[in-house]
N, C-alpha and C. Protein backbone atom coordinates (compact mmCIF):
# COMPACT_ATOMS: atom_id res chain seq x y z
N MET A 1 -53.84 9.63 51.55
CA MET A 1 -53.17 8.64 52.35
C MET A 1 -51.72 8.49 51.92
N TRP A 2 -51.45 8.01 50.70
CA TRP A 2 -50.08 7.79 50.25
C TRP A 2 -49.73 8.70 49.10
N GLY A 3 -50.54 9.68 48.80
CA GLY A 3 -50.26 10.62 47.73
C GLY A 3 -50.52 10.03 46.35
N ALA A 4 -51.18 8.91 46.25
CA ALA A 4 -51.47 8.30 44.97
C ALA A 4 -52.84 8.76 44.49
N THR A 5 -53.19 8.36 43.28
CA THR A 5 -54.52 8.68 42.77
C THR A 5 -55.56 7.93 43.57
N ARG A 6 -56.79 8.41 43.49
CA ARG A 6 -57.88 7.76 44.22
C ARG A 6 -58.01 6.30 43.80
N ALA A 7 -57.96 6.01 42.51
CA ALA A 7 -58.10 4.64 42.04
C ALA A 7 -56.93 3.78 42.53
N GLY A 8 -55.74 4.35 42.52
CA GLY A 8 -54.57 3.62 43.00
C GLY A 8 -54.68 3.32 44.48
N ARG A 9 -55.15 4.30 45.26
CA ARG A 9 -55.32 4.11 46.70
C ARG A 9 -56.33 3.01 46.97
N ILE A 10 -57.42 3.04 46.23
CA ILE A 10 -58.46 2.04 46.43
C ILE A 10 -57.92 0.65 46.11
N ALA A 11 -57.18 0.54 45.01
CA ALA A 11 -56.61 -0.77 44.63
C ALA A 11 -55.67 -1.28 45.71
N VAL A 12 -54.83 -0.40 46.23
CA VAL A 12 -53.90 -0.81 47.28
C VAL A 12 -54.66 -1.21 48.54
N LEU A 13 -55.66 -0.40 48.92
CA LEU A 13 -56.44 -0.71 50.11
C LEU A 13 -57.14 -2.05 49.99
N LEU A 14 -57.76 -2.27 48.85
CA LEU A 14 -58.48 -3.54 48.68
C LEU A 14 -57.51 -4.72 48.62
N GLY A 15 -56.33 -4.50 48.04
CA GLY A 15 -55.31 -5.55 48.01
C GLY A 15 -54.84 -5.89 49.41
N LEU A 16 -54.58 -4.87 50.22
CA LEU A 16 -54.17 -5.10 51.61
C LEU A 16 -55.29 -5.78 52.38
N GLY A 17 -56.51 -5.32 52.13
CA GLY A 17 -57.64 -5.94 52.81
C GLY A 17 -57.77 -7.41 52.45
N ALA A 18 -57.59 -7.72 51.18
CA ALA A 18 -57.67 -9.13 50.76
C ALA A 18 -56.58 -9.95 51.44
N MET A 19 -55.37 -9.39 51.55
CA MET A 19 -54.28 -10.10 52.21
C MET A 19 -54.63 -10.36 53.68
N LEU A 20 -55.16 -9.34 54.36
CA LEU A 20 -55.52 -9.51 55.76
C LEU A 20 -56.63 -10.53 55.93
N LEU A 21 -57.62 -10.45 55.05
CA LEU A 21 -58.76 -11.34 55.18
C LEU A 21 -58.41 -12.77 54.79
N ALA A 22 -57.43 -12.93 53.91
CA ALA A 22 -57.02 -14.27 53.49
C ALA A 22 -56.21 -14.97 54.57
N GLY A 23 -55.82 -14.23 55.60
CA GLY A 23 -55.09 -14.86 56.68
C GLY A 23 -53.59 -14.83 56.51
N ARG A 24 -53.09 -14.22 55.44
CA ARG A 24 -51.64 -14.16 55.26
C ARG A 24 -50.98 -13.35 56.34
N SER A 25 -51.76 -12.59 57.07
CA SER A 25 -51.19 -11.76 58.13
C SER A 25 -50.85 -12.58 59.36
N ALA A 26 -51.23 -13.85 59.39
CA ALA A 26 -50.95 -14.67 60.56
C ALA A 26 -49.47 -14.69 60.89
N SER A 27 -48.62 -14.72 59.88
CA SER A 27 -47.19 -14.71 60.14
C SER A 27 -46.75 -13.39 60.73
N LEU A 28 -47.49 -12.32 60.44
CA LEU A 28 -47.14 -11.01 60.98
C LEU A 28 -47.42 -10.92 62.47
N VAL A 29 -48.36 -11.70 62.97
CA VAL A 29 -48.72 -11.60 64.37
C VAL A 29 -47.99 -12.63 65.21
N ARG A 30 -47.18 -13.48 64.62
CA ARG A 30 -46.37 -14.43 65.38
C ARG A 30 -45.04 -13.76 65.70
N ALA A 31 -45.01 -13.08 66.79
CA ALA A 31 -43.82 -12.32 67.12
C ALA A 31 -43.13 -12.92 68.34
N ALA A 32 -41.85 -12.72 68.40
CA ALA A 32 -41.10 -13.15 69.56
C ALA A 32 -41.47 -12.27 70.74
N PRO A 33 -41.37 -12.79 71.96
CA PRO A 33 -41.74 -12.00 73.14
C PRO A 33 -41.06 -10.63 73.21
N GLU A 34 -39.81 -10.53 72.74
CA GLU A 34 -39.14 -9.22 72.80
C GLU A 34 -39.83 -8.20 71.91
N SER A 35 -40.56 -8.66 70.88
CA SER A 35 -41.26 -7.71 70.01
C SER A 35 -42.51 -7.15 70.70
N CYS A 36 -42.86 -7.70 71.85
CA CYS A 36 -44.01 -7.20 72.60
C CYS A 36 -43.66 -5.98 73.44
N SER A 37 -42.39 -5.64 73.47
CA SER A 37 -41.98 -4.46 74.21
C SER A 37 -42.69 -3.23 73.66
N GLY A 38 -43.30 -2.47 74.54
CA GLY A 38 -44.00 -1.26 74.14
C GLY A 38 -45.45 -1.48 73.71
N VAL A 39 -45.91 -2.72 73.68
CA VAL A 39 -47.27 -3.00 73.22
C VAL A 39 -48.31 -2.40 74.15
N GLU A 40 -48.07 -2.46 75.46
CA GLU A 40 -49.07 -1.95 76.40
C GLU A 40 -49.33 -0.46 76.17
N ALA A 41 -48.28 0.32 76.03
CA ALA A 41 -48.44 1.76 75.78
C ALA A 41 -49.10 2.00 74.42
N TRP A 42 -48.72 1.20 73.43
CA TRP A 42 -49.31 1.35 72.11
C TRP A 42 -50.80 1.02 72.15
N LEU A 43 -51.18 0.00 72.93
CA LEU A 43 -52.59 -0.35 73.05
C LEU A 43 -53.39 0.79 73.67
N ASP A 44 -52.82 1.45 74.66
CA ASP A 44 -53.50 2.62 75.24
C ASP A 44 -53.77 3.66 74.16
N TYR A 45 -52.76 3.89 73.31
CA TYR A 45 -52.91 4.84 72.21
C TYR A 45 -53.97 4.36 71.22
N LEU A 46 -53.93 3.08 70.86
CA LEU A 46 -54.92 2.51 69.93
C LEU A 46 -56.33 2.72 70.46
N TYR A 47 -56.55 2.41 71.74
CA TYR A 47 -57.89 2.55 72.30
C TYR A 47 -58.35 4.01 72.26
N GLN A 48 -57.43 4.91 72.49
CA GLN A 48 -57.75 6.34 72.42
C GLN A 48 -58.16 6.73 71.00
N VAL A 49 -57.42 6.27 70.01
CA VAL A 49 -57.73 6.58 68.61
C VAL A 49 -59.05 5.92 68.21
N ARG A 50 -59.27 4.69 68.64
CA ARG A 50 -60.54 4.01 68.33
C ARG A 50 -61.72 4.81 68.88
N GLU A 51 -61.60 5.32 70.09
CA GLU A 51 -62.68 6.13 70.66
C GLU A 51 -62.92 7.38 69.82
N GLN A 52 -61.84 8.01 69.36
CA GLN A 52 -61.99 9.21 68.53
C GLN A 52 -62.62 8.86 67.19
N GLN A 53 -62.21 7.74 66.58
CA GLN A 53 -62.81 7.32 65.31
C GLN A 53 -64.29 6.99 65.51
N ASP A 54 -64.62 6.33 66.61
CA ASP A 54 -66.03 6.02 66.90
C ASP A 54 -66.84 7.30 67.08
N ALA A 55 -66.26 8.29 67.75
CA ALA A 55 -66.95 9.56 67.94
C ALA A 55 -67.20 10.25 66.60
N LEU A 56 -66.23 10.16 65.68
CA LEU A 56 -66.42 10.73 64.35
C LEU A 56 -67.53 10.00 63.60
N ALA A 57 -67.58 8.69 63.73
CA ALA A 57 -68.64 7.91 63.08
C ALA A 57 -70.01 8.30 63.62
N LEU A 58 -70.10 8.50 64.93
CA LEU A 58 -71.37 8.94 65.52
C LEU A 58 -71.76 10.32 65.02
N ARG A 59 -70.77 11.20 64.91
CA ARG A 59 -71.05 12.55 64.40
C ARG A 59 -71.55 12.49 62.96
N GLU A 60 -70.94 11.62 62.14
CA GLU A 60 -71.41 11.45 60.76
C GLU A 60 -72.86 10.97 60.74
N ALA A 61 -73.15 9.99 61.58
CA ALA A 61 -74.51 9.45 61.64
C ALA A 61 -75.50 10.52 62.08
N ASP A 62 -75.14 11.27 63.10
CA ASP A 62 -76.03 12.34 63.58
C ASP A 62 -76.27 13.39 62.50
N LEU A 63 -75.20 13.76 61.80
CA LEU A 63 -75.35 14.74 60.72
C LEU A 63 -76.27 14.22 59.63
N SER A 64 -76.10 12.96 59.27
CA SER A 64 -76.90 12.41 58.17
C SER A 64 -78.37 12.27 58.54
N ARG A 65 -78.68 12.26 59.83
CA ARG A 65 -80.08 12.17 60.28
C ARG A 65 -80.71 13.52 60.57
N ASP A 66 -79.94 14.58 60.42
CA ASP A 66 -80.43 15.93 60.74
C ASP A 66 -81.24 16.49 59.58
N PRO A 67 -82.56 16.53 59.72
CA PRO A 67 -83.40 17.00 58.61
C PRO A 67 -83.29 18.50 58.35
N SER A 68 -82.70 19.23 59.27
CA SER A 68 -82.62 20.69 59.10
C SER A 68 -81.48 21.09 58.16
N LEU A 69 -80.58 20.16 57.84
CA LEU A 69 -79.44 20.48 56.97
C LEU A 69 -79.82 20.34 55.50
N THR A 70 -79.43 21.31 54.71
CA THR A 70 -79.59 21.18 53.26
C THR A 70 -78.53 20.19 52.76
N PRO A 71 -78.71 19.66 51.56
CA PRO A 71 -77.68 18.75 51.04
C PRO A 71 -76.28 19.38 51.03
N GLU A 72 -76.18 20.66 50.69
CA GLU A 72 -74.86 21.30 50.65
C GLU A 72 -74.29 21.48 52.06
N GLU A 73 -75.15 21.84 53.02
CA GLU A 73 -74.69 21.97 54.41
C GLU A 73 -74.23 20.61 54.94
N LEU A 74 -74.98 19.58 54.62
CA LEU A 74 -74.61 18.23 55.03
C LEU A 74 -73.29 17.83 54.39
N ALA A 75 -73.14 18.10 53.11
CA ALA A 75 -71.89 17.76 52.41
C ALA A 75 -70.70 18.48 53.05
N ARG A 76 -70.88 19.76 53.36
CA ARG A 76 -69.80 20.54 54.00
C ARG A 76 -69.44 19.95 55.37
N ALA A 77 -70.46 19.63 56.17
CA ALA A 77 -70.23 19.09 57.51
C ALA A 77 -69.56 17.72 57.43
N LEU A 78 -70.02 16.88 56.51
CA LEU A 78 -69.41 15.56 56.35
C LEU A 78 -67.97 15.67 55.85
N ALA A 79 -67.71 16.64 54.99
CA ALA A 79 -66.34 16.84 54.50
C ALA A 79 -65.42 17.25 55.65
N MET A 80 -65.93 18.07 56.57
CA MET A 80 -65.12 18.45 57.72
C MET A 80 -64.80 17.24 58.60
N VAL A 81 -65.78 16.38 58.80
CA VAL A 81 -65.56 15.17 59.58
C VAL A 81 -64.55 14.27 58.86
N ALA A 82 -64.68 14.16 57.55
CA ALA A 82 -63.75 13.34 56.77
C ALA A 82 -62.32 13.87 56.90
N ASP A 83 -62.17 15.18 56.90
CA ASP A 83 -60.85 15.78 57.08
C ASP A 83 -60.28 15.42 58.46
N GLU A 84 -61.12 15.49 59.49
CA GLU A 84 -60.68 15.12 60.84
C GLU A 84 -60.28 13.65 60.88
N ARG A 85 -61.09 12.80 60.22
CA ARG A 85 -60.81 11.37 60.20
C ARG A 85 -59.47 11.10 59.51
N ALA A 86 -59.24 11.76 58.39
CA ALA A 86 -57.98 11.56 57.65
C ALA A 86 -56.78 12.03 58.47
N ALA A 87 -56.92 13.17 59.13
CA ALA A 87 -55.82 13.68 59.96
C ALA A 87 -55.52 12.73 61.12
N LEU A 88 -56.56 12.22 61.74
CA LEU A 88 -56.38 11.28 62.85
C LEU A 88 -55.71 10.00 62.37
N ASN A 89 -56.12 9.51 61.20
CA ASN A 89 -55.52 8.29 60.67
C ASN A 89 -54.06 8.52 60.27
N ASP A 90 -53.77 9.68 59.70
CA ASP A 90 -52.37 10.00 59.36
C ASP A 90 -51.51 10.01 60.61
N GLU A 91 -52.01 10.63 61.67
CA GLU A 91 -51.29 10.66 62.94
C GLU A 91 -51.08 9.24 63.46
N PHE A 92 -52.13 8.41 63.37
CA PHE A 92 -52.05 7.02 63.83
C PHE A 92 -50.99 6.26 63.05
N GLN A 93 -50.93 6.46 61.75
CA GLN A 93 -49.95 5.75 60.93
C GLN A 93 -48.52 6.18 61.26
N ARG A 94 -48.33 7.42 61.65
CA ARG A 94 -46.99 7.92 61.98
C ARG A 94 -46.55 7.55 63.39
N HIS A 95 -47.49 7.19 64.24
CA HIS A 95 -47.17 6.88 65.64
C HIS A 95 -46.29 5.63 65.69
N PRO A 96 -45.23 5.64 66.49
CA PRO A 96 -44.37 4.45 66.60
C PRO A 96 -45.18 3.23 67.01
N THR A 97 -44.92 2.13 66.33
CA THR A 97 -45.67 0.90 66.56
C THR A 97 -44.71 -0.24 66.86
N PRO A 98 -44.93 -0.98 67.94
CA PRO A 98 -44.08 -2.13 68.23
C PRO A 98 -44.22 -3.18 67.12
N PRO A 99 -43.15 -3.92 66.85
CA PRO A 99 -43.21 -4.93 65.78
C PRO A 99 -44.40 -5.89 65.90
N ALA A 100 -44.73 -6.29 67.10
CA ALA A 100 -45.83 -7.24 67.28
C ALA A 100 -47.19 -6.65 66.91
N ALA A 101 -47.28 -5.34 66.87
CA ALA A 101 -48.57 -4.68 66.62
C ALA A 101 -48.73 -4.20 65.18
N GLU A 102 -47.77 -4.46 64.32
CA GLU A 102 -47.82 -3.95 62.94
C GLU A 102 -49.07 -4.40 62.18
N ALA A 103 -49.40 -5.68 62.25
CA ALA A 103 -50.58 -6.16 61.51
C ALA A 103 -51.86 -5.52 62.04
N THR A 104 -51.94 -5.37 63.35
CA THR A 104 -53.11 -4.75 63.95
C THR A 104 -53.22 -3.30 63.51
N ARG A 105 -52.10 -2.58 63.54
CA ARG A 105 -52.09 -1.18 63.11
C ARG A 105 -52.51 -1.07 61.65
N THR A 106 -51.98 -1.94 60.81
CA THR A 106 -52.30 -1.90 59.39
C THR A 106 -53.79 -2.14 59.16
N ALA A 107 -54.35 -3.10 59.86
CA ALA A 107 -55.76 -3.41 59.68
C ALA A 107 -56.66 -2.25 60.11
N TYR A 108 -56.40 -1.69 61.29
CA TYR A 108 -57.22 -0.56 61.73
C TYR A 108 -57.04 0.63 60.80
N SER A 109 -55.82 0.90 60.41
CA SER A 109 -55.56 2.03 59.52
C SER A 109 -56.29 1.85 58.19
N LEU A 110 -56.27 0.63 57.67
CA LEU A 110 -56.97 0.32 56.42
C LEU A 110 -58.47 0.54 56.58
N ALA A 111 -59.03 0.05 57.67
CA ALA A 111 -60.47 0.22 57.90
C ALA A 111 -60.82 1.71 58.01
N TRP A 112 -59.99 2.46 58.71
CA TRP A 112 -60.28 3.89 58.88
C TRP A 112 -60.08 4.65 57.58
N GLU A 113 -59.14 4.20 56.75
CA GLU A 113 -58.97 4.84 55.44
C GLU A 113 -60.22 4.59 54.58
N LEU A 114 -60.73 3.38 54.64
CA LEU A 114 -61.98 3.10 53.91
C LEU A 114 -63.13 3.93 54.47
N ASP A 115 -63.17 4.12 55.78
CA ASP A 115 -64.21 4.96 56.37
C ASP A 115 -64.13 6.38 55.80
N ALA A 116 -62.91 6.88 55.62
CA ALA A 116 -62.75 8.21 55.03
C ALA A 116 -63.23 8.22 53.58
N LEU A 117 -62.96 7.15 52.84
CA LEU A 117 -63.42 7.05 51.46
C LEU A 117 -64.94 6.98 51.39
N ILE A 118 -65.55 6.34 52.39
CA ILE A 118 -67.01 6.29 52.46
C ILE A 118 -67.56 7.71 52.56
N GLY A 119 -66.99 8.46 53.49
CA GLY A 119 -67.42 9.84 53.67
C GLY A 119 -67.24 10.66 52.40
N ASP A 120 -66.09 10.48 51.75
CA ASP A 120 -65.82 11.22 50.51
C ASP A 120 -66.82 10.85 49.42
N ALA A 121 -67.13 9.57 49.29
CA ALA A 121 -68.09 9.14 48.27
C ALA A 121 -69.48 9.71 48.55
N TYR A 122 -69.89 9.72 49.82
CA TYR A 122 -71.20 10.28 50.16
C TYR A 122 -71.24 11.79 49.89
N VAL A 123 -70.15 12.47 50.22
CA VAL A 123 -70.10 13.91 49.96
C VAL A 123 -70.22 14.17 48.46
N ARG A 124 -69.48 13.42 47.66
CA ARG A 124 -69.56 13.60 46.21
C ARG A 124 -70.94 13.25 45.70
N ALA A 125 -71.58 12.22 46.27
CA ALA A 125 -72.94 11.85 45.86
C ALA A 125 -73.92 12.97 46.19
N LEU A 126 -73.78 13.54 47.37
CA LEU A 126 -74.66 14.65 47.76
C LEU A 126 -74.51 15.84 46.83
N ARG A 127 -73.26 16.15 46.50
CA ARG A 127 -73.00 17.34 45.68
C ARG A 127 -73.37 17.15 44.22
N THR A 128 -73.29 15.91 43.73
CA THR A 128 -73.55 15.68 42.31
C THR A 128 -74.91 15.03 42.05
N GLY A 129 -75.50 14.42 43.08
CA GLY A 129 -76.75 13.70 42.90
C GLY A 129 -76.55 12.36 42.20
N ASP A 130 -75.32 11.92 42.08
CA ASP A 130 -74.99 10.67 41.38
C ASP A 130 -75.21 9.47 42.30
N GLU A 131 -76.24 8.70 42.01
CA GLU A 131 -76.59 7.54 42.84
C GLU A 131 -75.51 6.45 42.77
N ARG A 132 -74.73 6.41 41.71
CA ARG A 132 -73.65 5.42 41.62
C ARG A 132 -72.62 5.65 42.72
N LEU A 133 -72.41 6.91 43.09
CA LEU A 133 -71.48 7.21 44.17
C LEU A 133 -72.01 6.73 45.51
N ARG A 134 -73.32 6.77 45.69
CA ARG A 134 -73.90 6.20 46.91
C ARG A 134 -73.68 4.70 46.93
N GLY A 135 -73.81 4.06 45.79
CA GLY A 135 -73.53 2.63 45.70
C GLY A 135 -72.08 2.32 46.01
N LEU A 136 -71.18 3.17 45.52
CA LEU A 136 -69.76 3.00 45.81
C LEU A 136 -69.52 3.13 47.32
N ALA A 137 -70.14 4.11 47.93
CA ALA A 137 -70.00 4.30 49.38
C ALA A 137 -70.54 3.08 50.12
N ASP A 138 -71.63 2.51 49.65
CA ASP A 138 -72.18 1.30 50.29
C ASP A 138 -71.19 0.14 50.18
N GLY A 139 -70.54 0.02 49.04
CA GLY A 139 -69.52 -1.02 48.87
C GLY A 139 -68.34 -0.82 49.80
N TYR A 140 -67.90 0.42 49.93
CA TYR A 140 -66.82 0.74 50.87
C TYR A 140 -67.25 0.40 52.30
N THR A 141 -68.51 0.68 52.62
CA THR A 141 -69.02 0.41 53.96
C THR A 141 -68.94 -1.08 54.27
N GLU A 142 -69.33 -1.90 53.32
CA GLU A 142 -69.27 -3.34 53.52
C GLU A 142 -67.83 -3.81 53.70
N ALA A 143 -66.93 -3.32 52.86
CA ALA A 143 -65.51 -3.70 52.96
C ALA A 143 -64.93 -3.23 54.29
N SER A 144 -65.26 -2.02 54.68
CA SER A 144 -64.75 -1.47 55.94
C SER A 144 -65.21 -2.30 57.13
N GLY A 145 -66.47 -2.68 57.13
CA GLY A 145 -66.99 -3.50 58.22
C GLY A 145 -66.26 -4.82 58.33
N THR A 146 -65.99 -5.44 57.19
CA THR A 146 -65.27 -6.71 57.18
C THR A 146 -63.85 -6.52 57.71
N ILE A 147 -63.21 -5.44 57.32
CA ILE A 147 -61.83 -5.20 57.76
C ILE A 147 -61.80 -4.80 59.23
N HIS A 148 -62.82 -4.09 59.70
CA HIS A 148 -62.90 -3.79 61.13
C HIS A 148 -62.97 -5.09 61.95
N VAL A 149 -63.74 -6.05 61.47
CA VAL A 149 -63.83 -7.34 62.16
C VAL A 149 -62.45 -8.00 62.20
N ARG A 150 -61.75 -7.98 61.06
CA ARG A 150 -60.41 -8.58 61.02
C ARG A 150 -59.45 -7.83 61.93
N ALA A 151 -59.54 -6.51 61.99
CA ALA A 151 -58.69 -5.72 62.88
C ALA A 151 -58.93 -6.12 64.33
N ASP A 152 -60.20 -6.31 64.68
CA ASP A 152 -60.52 -6.74 66.04
C ASP A 152 -59.95 -8.13 66.33
N GLN A 153 -59.98 -9.01 65.34
CA GLN A 153 -59.39 -10.34 65.51
C GLN A 153 -57.89 -10.24 65.71
N LEU A 154 -57.24 -9.41 64.92
CA LEU A 154 -55.80 -9.23 65.07
C LEU A 154 -55.46 -8.62 66.42
N LEU A 155 -56.29 -7.70 66.90
CA LEU A 155 -56.09 -7.12 68.22
C LEU A 155 -56.18 -8.22 69.28
N GLU A 156 -57.17 -9.07 69.16
CA GLU A 156 -57.32 -10.18 70.12
C GLU A 156 -56.09 -11.09 70.10
N GLN A 157 -55.58 -11.39 68.92
CA GLN A 157 -54.36 -12.20 68.80
C GLN A 157 -53.17 -11.50 69.46
N LEU A 158 -53.07 -10.21 69.25
CA LEU A 158 -51.99 -9.42 69.85
C LEU A 158 -52.10 -9.48 71.38
N LEU A 159 -53.30 -9.33 71.89
CA LEU A 159 -53.50 -9.38 73.35
C LEU A 159 -53.12 -10.75 73.89
N GLN A 160 -53.48 -11.81 73.18
CA GLN A 160 -53.12 -13.16 73.62
C GLN A 160 -51.62 -13.37 73.55
N MET A 161 -51.00 -12.91 72.49
CA MET A 161 -49.58 -13.13 72.27
C MET A 161 -48.72 -12.35 73.27
N CYS A 162 -49.14 -11.15 73.55
CA CYS A 162 -48.32 -10.28 74.40
C CYS A 162 -48.86 -10.16 75.82
N GLY A 163 -49.83 -10.98 76.14
CA GLY A 163 -50.32 -11.01 77.50
C GLY A 163 -51.08 -9.77 77.94
N GLY A 164 -51.72 -9.10 76.99
CA GLY A 164 -52.45 -7.88 77.32
C GLY A 164 -53.78 -8.09 77.93
C-alpha cells in the first residue's frame, strides 16, 4: 500500500480506522457546495469499484468452499485474487477524488486494504499451517466489516450533502 513494513501498514490502517470510527471524520464530510463538483462522476466510479471488490470477495468465498483444491492450489488462487484486489485498490487511491468525497474514499480504501490483508493472512496460514494467522485474519475481518459500515455511512452523508 504505502511501501511500509507490514506491521507499520497495519498500525497506520488501524489508526485511520479508529479515527474514522471515532467520528473525527465528521469535519471531513462538511464540505462547501463547491467541493461537491465532480462528486456525481466520482460516485459512478466508486460504485464500479465496489462491484469489482464485491466480485473479488465472492470469488474468494467460492475458492475457499471448493473441496477439489489442495491447500497449495487454494493458497495460489487466493494470492492471485489478493493481487487483483491490491491493484484495484491502488488504482482507486490514485483516481482523482473531489474534496467532499475524501473521507468516503479513505474509508473504502482502508476497508479494501484490510480485505487484502485478510487474504494475505489466510494464504500464509494455508501455507504454514499456523492457526494464529487464521486468528489474525479473523481479526482483520472484524475490523474490515466495521470500517465497511463506516464507509457506507460516510457515503450516505456524502449523498445527502451533495444531493446525490
